[in-house]
Every structure is written in structure tokens, then in C-alpha cells.
């Protein structure tokens, strides 16, 4: 069975604390196997008999809503997709070296033309964005605390749910699981 990575929104942020062993048990209760968590920010690696990502996302979201009492948007990627995200170079090397933070926002679907224009409107002297496939890459040139951008701003602007991860986390995930 191929392994899938779930990037969960609202795990161990905003007052929503979930222990990783509890999170693993929720996934195992759905019949998923080889369940592991990676750092305590809502990254779950697992194997499932189904390859239907939309069905799996909905099943996980419903389970976590029932178990935790709040909405947990779920964004699934295959091992190969995560490796591709880690390798993708949306910005020039000099820009990356000068930046303070490089993050990835996971979305359910690729952005359409109007949404890409809305994303471009968020660009500032601090923040630069690039949409590719079902991800938005965010390069922050200063401390993120100096930026007006956040996941909430992204969701409000685009009218979609998302979750952010640092590119370092994505690269460590790929290195650990040898995609």
C-alpha cells in the first residue's frame, strides 16, 4: 500500500492541543496502517486501502470533527507529491538565501486564474507568492511577525481552506521517509 501524508489544519495551534499518540489512534481507528506522526503540528503519515484522496480527506475530517469537537481541514499528498514539493524551486536561489522564511500552503485544488490574481494582490515588499499545482509557496523576506500575511489572510482572500508548513519541515519529512 502506498503511503499518504496528511497535513492537518488546526492541530496544536490556536488553543487546539492534540497529543500525537491520540492522533495516531484516530487514524488507526479508520483502518489505516503504518500510522506515524511527524513533529507535533499535524503531519500524519499512513497507508490506506483506498487511493481516493477526496474520500480519504472527507473521512479523516469527519472523524476528527467528531473526536476533537472542531473542524480539522485535511490536505493529502502522496509520497511522490511531497518529494516534488520539496524539489520545486518557485524562487531564485539568491531570493531564497536572502529570505528569512520559506513556507508552503496546502490547498484542496489548484488555483484558477481569478484566484491567482487575488494571490498576486497580497505581494508586498516583505512577502512574495507563487502558486503551483495545489500549493502556494510563500517567501517571507523578514521575520514572519513583521508580515501582514497569515494563513487566515490567505483563506479570506482566496475563499478556500489551507494549512501552512515551513519548507524545512517538508524537506525533513522527505529526508526521514526517503521518498
C-alpha atoms as a PDB file:
ATOM      1  CA  UNK A   1       0.000   0.000   0.000  1.00  0.00           C
ATOM      2  CA  UNK A   2       1.418   3.417  -0.891  1.00  0.00           C
ATOM      3  CA  UNK A   3       1.894   5.841   1.972  1.00  0.00           C
ATOM      4  CA  UNK A   4      -0.006   9.098   2.167  1.00  0.00           C
ATOM      5  CA  UNK A   5       0.820  12.234   4.125  1.00  0.00           C
ATOM      6  CA  UNK A   6      -1.980  14.182   5.785  1.00  0.00           C
ATOM      7  CA  UNK A   7      -1.302  17.833   6.517  1.00  0.00           C
ATOM      8  CA  UNK A   8      -3.883  18.792   9.122  1.00  0.00           C
ATOM      9  CA  UNK A   9      -5.048  22.317   9.898  1.00  0.00           C
ATOM     10  CA  UNK A  10      -5.614  23.480  13.485  1.00  0.00           C
ATOM     11  CA  UNK A  11      -3.555  20.855  15.301  1.00  0.00           C
ATOM     12  CA  UNK A  12      -1.596  22.261  18.254  1.00  0.00           C
ATOM     13  CA  UNK A  13      -2.294  25.883  17.334  1.00  0.00           C
ATOM     14  CA  UNK A  14      -4.929  28.343  18.461  1.00  0.00           C
ATOM     15  CA  UNK A  15      -5.647  26.519  21.700  1.00  0.00           C
ATOM     16  CA  UNK A  16      -6.322  23.177  19.987  1.00  0.00           C
ATOM     17  CA  UNK A  17      -3.903  20.759  21.666  1.00  0.00           C
ATOM     18  CA  UNK A  18      -3.818  17.156  20.472  1.00  0.00           C
ATOM     19  CA  UNK A  19      -1.331  14.560  21.655  1.00  0.00           C
ATOM     20  CA  UNK A  20       0.318  12.690  18.804  1.00  0.00           C
ATOM     21  CA  UNK A  21      -0.480   9.236  20.207  1.00  0.00           C
ATOM     22  CA  UNK A  22      -4.158  10.215  20.311  1.00  0.00           C
ATOM     23  CA  UNK A  23      -3.983  11.500  16.740  1.00  0.00           C
ATOM     24  CA  UNK A  24      -2.365   8.229  15.608  1.00  0.00           C
ATOM     25  CA  UNK A  25      -5.118   6.221  17.294  1.00  0.00           C
ATOM     26  CA  UNK A  26      -7.794   8.228  15.458  1.00  0.00           C
ATOM     27  CA  UNK A  27      -6.163   7.334  12.129  1.00  0.00           C
ATOM     28  CA  UNK A  28      -5.771   3.688  13.152  1.00  0.00           C
ATOM     29  CA  UNK A  29      -9.458   3.548  14.143  1.00  0.00           C
ATOM     30  CA  UNK A  30     -10.263   4.310  10.484  1.00  0.00           C
ATOM     31  CA  UNK A  31      -8.414   1.150   9.446  1.00  0.00           C
ATOM     32  CA  UNK A  32      -5.264   2.935   8.293  1.00  0.00           C
ATOM     33  CA  UNK A  33      -1.937   1.204   8.887  1.00  0.00           C
ATOM     34  CA  UNK A  34       1.716   2.208   9.330  1.00  0.00           C
ATOM     35  CA  UNK A  35       0.463   5.381  11.052  1.00  0.00           C
ATOM     36  CA  UNK A  36       3.169   7.790  12.200  1.00  0.00           C
ATOM     37  CA  UNK A  37       3.199  11.450  13.137  1.00  0.00           C
ATOM     38  CA  UNK A  38       5.953  13.855  12.220  1.00  0.00           C
ATOM     39  CA  UNK A  39       6.540  16.692  14.679  1.00  0.00           C
ATOM     40  CA  UNK A  40       3.555  17.844  16.691  1.00  0.00           C
ATOM     41  CA  UNK A  41       1.989  20.116  14.094  1.00  0.00           C
ATOM     42  CA  UNK A  42      -0.497  17.829  12.374  1.00  0.00           C
ATOM     43  CA  UNK A  43       1.555  15.800   9.905  1.00  0.00           C
ATOM     44  CA  UNK A  44       0.405  12.177   9.723  1.00  0.00           C
ATOM     45  CA  UNK A  45       1.943   9.509   7.506  1.00  0.00           C
ATOM     46  CA  UNK A  46      -0.214   6.437   6.874  1.00  0.00           C
ATOM     47  CA  UNK A  47      -1.258   3.691   4.474  1.00  0.00           C
ATOM     48  CA  UNK A  48      -4.885   3.223   3.428  1.00  0.00           C
ATOM     49  CA  UNK A  49      -6.578   0.659   1.223  1.00  0.00           C
ATOM     50  CA  UNK A  50      -8.269   3.405  -0.825  1.00  0.00           C
ATOM     51  CA  UNK A  51      -6.466   5.732  -3.213  1.00  0.00           C
ATOM     52  CA  UNK A  52      -9.398   8.148  -3.477  1.00  0.00           C
ATOM     53  CA  UNK A  53      -7.881  11.259  -1.879  1.00  0.00           C
ATOM     54  CA  UNK A  54     -11.162  13.195  -1.705  1.00  0.00           C
ATOM     55  CA  UNK A  55     -12.905  10.326   0.069  1.00  0.00           C
ATOM     56  CA  UNK A  56      -9.976   9.876   2.470  1.00  0.00           C
ATOM     57  CA  UNK A  57      -9.863  13.618   3.244  1.00  0.00           C
ATOM     58  CA  UNK A  58     -13.584  13.672   3.992  1.00  0.00           C
ATOM     59  CA  UNK A  59     -13.377  10.531   6.142  1.00  0.00           C
ATOM     60  CA  UNK A  60     -10.491  11.971   8.177  1.00  0.00           C
ATOM     61  CA  UNK A  61     -12.166  15.376   8.538  1.00  0.00           C
ATOM     62  CA  UNK A  62     -15.406  13.779   9.771  1.00  0.00           C
ATOM     63  CA  UNK A  63     -13.555  11.506  12.224  1.00  0.00           C
ATOM     64  CA  UNK A  64     -11.508  14.364  13.673  1.00  0.00           C
ATOM     65  CA  UNK A  65     -14.549  16.675  13.879  1.00  0.00           C
ATOM     66  CA  UNK A  66     -16.382  14.021  15.890  1.00  0.00           C
ATOM     67  CA  UNK A  67     -13.376  13.119  18.051  1.00  0.00           C
ATOM     68  CA  UNK A  68     -11.942  16.593  18.701  1.00  0.00           C
ATOM     69  CA  UNK A  69     -15.068  18.735  18.510  1.00  0.00           C
ATOM     70  CA  UNK A  70     -13.804  21.190  15.914  1.00  0.00           C
ATOM     71  CA  UNK A  71     -13.132  21.297  12.179  1.00  0.00           C
ATOM     72  CA  UNK A  72      -9.758  19.950  11.047  1.00  0.00           C
ATOM     73  CA  UNK A  73      -9.274  20.624   7.342  1.00  0.00           C
ATOM     74  CA  UNK A  74      -7.192  17.811   5.844  1.00  0.00           C
ATOM     75  CA  UNK A  75      -4.869  18.025   2.851  1.00  0.00           C
ATOM     76  CA  UNK A  76      -3.495  14.745   1.495  1.00  0.00           C
ATOM     77  CA  UNK A  77      -0.429  14.257  -0.658  1.00  0.00           C
ATOM     78  CA  UNK A  78       1.297  11.125  -1.889  1.00  0.00           C
ATOM     79  CA  UNK A  79       4.949  10.444  -1.108  1.00  0.00           C
ATOM     80  CA  UNK A  80       5.837  11.455  -4.667  1.00  0.00           C
ATOM     81  CA  UNK A  81       3.888  14.699  -4.429  1.00  0.00           C
ATOM     82  CA  UNK A  82       5.654  15.651  -1.194  1.00  0.00           C
ATOM     83  CA  UNK A  83       9.032  14.920  -2.802  1.00  0.00           C
ATOM     84  CA  UNK A  84       8.022  17.131  -5.745  1.00  0.00           C
ATOM     85  CA  UNK A  85       7.008  19.945  -3.409  1.00  0.00           C
ATOM     86  CA  UNK A  86      10.397  19.751  -1.671  1.00  0.00           C
ATOM     87  CA  UNK A  87      12.253  19.874  -5.003  1.00  0.00           C
ATOM     88  CA  UNK A  88      10.153  22.582  -6.644  1.00  0.00           C
ATOM     89  CA  UNK A  89      12.015  25.890  -6.996  1.00  0.00           C
ATOM     90  CA  UNK A  90       9.490  28.746  -7.293  1.00  0.00           C
ATOM     91  CA  UNK A  91      12.063  31.424  -6.411  1.00  0.00           C
ATOM     92  CA  UNK A  92      15.626  32.197  -7.470  1.00  0.00           C
ATOM     93  CA  UNK A  93      18.380  30.853  -5.224  1.00  0.00           C
ATOM     94  CA  UNK A  94      19.500  34.403  -4.344  1.00  0.00           C
ATOM     95  CA  UNK A  95      15.957  35.236  -3.193  1.00  0.00           C
ATOM     96  CA  UNK A  96      15.816  32.076  -1.056  1.00  0.00           C
ATOM     97  CA  UNK A  97      19.206  32.790   0.518  1.00  0.00           C
ATOM     98  CA  UNK A  98      18.177  36.348   1.410  1.00  0.00           C
ATOM     99  CA  UNK A  99      14.773  35.344   2.831  1.00  0.00           C
ATOM    100  CA  UNK A 100      14.022  34.678   6.487  1.00  0.00           C
ATOM    101  CA  UNK A 101      11.235  32.125   5.898  1.00  0.00           C
ATOM    102  CA  UNK A 102      10.037  29.873   3.080  1.00  0.00           C
ATOM    103  CA  UNK A 103       6.628  28.248   3.578  1.00  0.00           C
ATOM    104  CA  UNK A 104       4.142  26.127   1.673  1.00  0.00           C
ATOM    105  CA  UNK A 105       0.362  26.448   1.922  1.00  0.00           C
ATOM    106  CA  UNK A 106      -1.519  23.260   1.074  1.00  0.00           C
ATOM    107  CA  UNK A 107      -4.830  23.623  -0.770  1.00  0.00           C
ATOM    108  CA  UNK A 108      -7.504  21.148  -1.877  1.00  0.00           C
ATOM    109  CA  UNK A 109      -7.413  22.238  -5.536  1.00  0.00           C
ATOM    110  CA  UNK A 110      -5.165  24.274  -7.851  1.00  0.00           C
ATOM    111  CA  UNK A 111      -5.977  27.980  -8.012  1.00  0.00           C
ATOM    112  CA  UNK A 112      -7.891  29.289 -11.019  1.00  0.00           C
ATOM    113  CA  UNK A 113      -6.978  32.487 -12.893  1.00  0.00           C
ATOM    114  CA  UNK A 114      -9.008  34.897 -10.732  1.00  0.00           C
ATOM    115  CA  UNK A 115      -7.622  33.321  -7.543  1.00  0.00           C
ATOM    116  CA  UNK A 116      -4.045  33.634  -8.832  1.00  0.00           C
ATOM    117  CA  UNK A 117      -4.704  37.358  -9.394  1.00  0.00           C
ATOM    118  CA  UNK A 118      -6.054  37.665  -5.828  1.00  0.00           C
ATOM    119  CA  UNK A 119      -2.935  35.903  -4.556  1.00  0.00           C
ATOM    120  CA  UNK A 120      -0.720  38.318  -6.511  1.00  0.00           C
ATOM    121  CA  UNK A 121      -2.505  41.229  -4.791  1.00  0.00           C
ATOM    122  CA  UNK A 122      -1.058  40.011  -1.471  1.00  0.00           C
ATOM    123  CA  UNK A 123       2.530  40.635  -2.607  1.00  0.00           C
ATOM    124  CA  UNK A 124       4.388  43.221  -0.522  1.00  0.00           C
ATOM    125  CA  UNK A 125       7.980  44.288  -0.024  1.00  0.00           C
ATOM    126  CA  UNK A 126       8.186  41.512   2.560  1.00  0.00           C
ATOM    127  CA  UNK A 127       6.054  38.749   1.017  1.00  0.00           C
ATOM    128  CA  UNK A 128       6.185  37.062  -2.398  1.00  0.00           C
ATOM    129  CA  UNK A 129       3.952  34.189  -3.552  1.00  0.00           C
ATOM    130  CA  UNK A 130       3.919  31.564  -6.267  1.00  0.00           C
ATOM    131  CA  UNK A 131       1.039  29.166  -6.932  1.00  0.00           C
ATOM    132  CA  UNK A 132       1.913  25.757  -8.367  1.00  0.00           C
ATOM    133  CA  UNK A 133      -0.371  22.720  -8.522  1.00  0.00           C
ATOM    134  CA  UNK A 134      -2.268  22.544  -5.192  1.00  0.00           C
ATOM    135  CA  UNK A 135       0.294  24.591  -3.258  1.00  0.00           C
ATOM    136  CA  UNK A 136       1.085  28.231  -2.657  1.00  0.00           C
ATOM    137  CA  UNK A 137       4.747  28.975  -1.960  1.00  0.00           C
ATOM    138  CA  UNK A 138       5.366  31.949   0.328  1.00  0.00           C
ATOM    139  CA  UNK A 139       8.744  33.618   0.600  1.00  0.00           C
ATOM    140  CA  UNK A 140       8.980  35.983   3.566  1.00  0.00           C
ATOM    141  CA  UNK A 141      11.931  38.377   3.356  1.00  0.00           C
ATOM    142  CA  UNK A 142      11.765  39.417   7.008  1.00  0.00           C
ATOM    143  CA  UNK A 143      10.548  37.876  10.242  1.00  0.00           C
ATOM    144  CA  UNK A 144       7.068  36.488   9.784  1.00  0.00           C
ATOM    145  CA  UNK A 145       5.979  38.624  12.738  1.00  0.00           C
ATOM    146  CA  UNK A 146       6.726  41.683  10.578  1.00  0.00           C
ATOM    147  CA  UNK A 147       4.484  40.412   7.772  1.00  0.00           C
ATOM    148  CA  UNK A 148       0.776  41.130   7.481  1.00  0.00           C
ATOM    149  CA  UNK A 149       0.318  37.743   5.767  1.00  0.00           C
ATOM    150  CA  UNK A 150      -1.019  34.665   7.557  1.00  0.00           C
ATOM    151  CA  UNK A 151      -2.969  31.526   6.787  1.00  0.00           C
ATOM    152  CA  UNK A 152      -6.131  33.381   7.814  1.00  0.00           C
ATOM    153  CA  UNK A 153      -5.377  36.145   5.287  1.00  0.00           C
ATOM    154  CA  UNK A 154      -4.784  33.556   2.571  1.00  0.00           C
ATOM    155  CA  UNK A 155      -8.057  31.768   3.340  1.00  0.00           C
ATOM    156  CA  UNK A 156     -10.034  35.011   3.480  1.00  0.00           C
ATOM    157  CA  UNK A 157      -8.522  36.339   0.240  1.00  0.00           C
ATOM    158  CA  UNK A 158      -8.963  33.148  -1.769  1.00  0.00           C
ATOM    159  CA  UNK A 159     -12.113  31.826  -0.097  1.00  0.00           C
ATOM    160  CA  UNK A 160     -10.542  28.395   0.453  1.00  0.00           C
ATOM    161  CA  UNK A 161      -9.147  26.422   3.363  1.00  0.00           C
ATOM    162  CA  UNK A 162      -5.400  25.881   3.663  1.00  0.00           C
ATOM    163  CA  UNK A 163      -2.666  24.941   6.070  1.00  0.00           C
ATOM    164  CA  UNK A 164       0.924  26.187   6.162  1.00  0.00           C
ATOM    165  CA  UNK A 165       4.184  24.311   6.707  1.00  0.00           C
ATOM    166  CA  UNK A 166       7.741  25.569   6.611  1.00  0.00           C
ATOM    167  CA  UNK A 167       9.813  24.254   3.729  1.00  0.00           C
ATOM    168  CA  UNK A 168      12.338  22.983   6.281  1.00  0.00           C
ATOM    169  CA  UNK A 169       9.610  20.720   7.698  1.00  0.00           C
ATOM    170  CA  UNK A 170       8.771  19.434   4.199  1.00  0.00           C
ATOM    171  CA  UNK A 171      12.442  18.749   3.459  1.00  0.00           C
ATOM    172  CA  UNK A 172      12.934  16.947   6.796  1.00  0.00           C
ATOM    173  CA  UNK A 173       9.841  14.868   6.123  1.00  0.00           C
ATOM    174  CA  UNK A 174      11.219  13.839   2.734  1.00  0.00           C
ATOM    175  CA  UNK A 175      14.665  13.092   4.191  1.00  0.00           C
ATOM    176  CA  UNK A 176      13.235  10.975   7.014  1.00  0.00           C
ATOM    177  CA  UNK A 177      10.984   8.869   4.838  1.00  0.00           C
ATOM    178  CA  UNK A 178      13.416   8.632   1.870  1.00  0.00           C
ATOM    179  CA  UNK A 179      10.947   9.379  -0.879  1.00  0.00           C
END
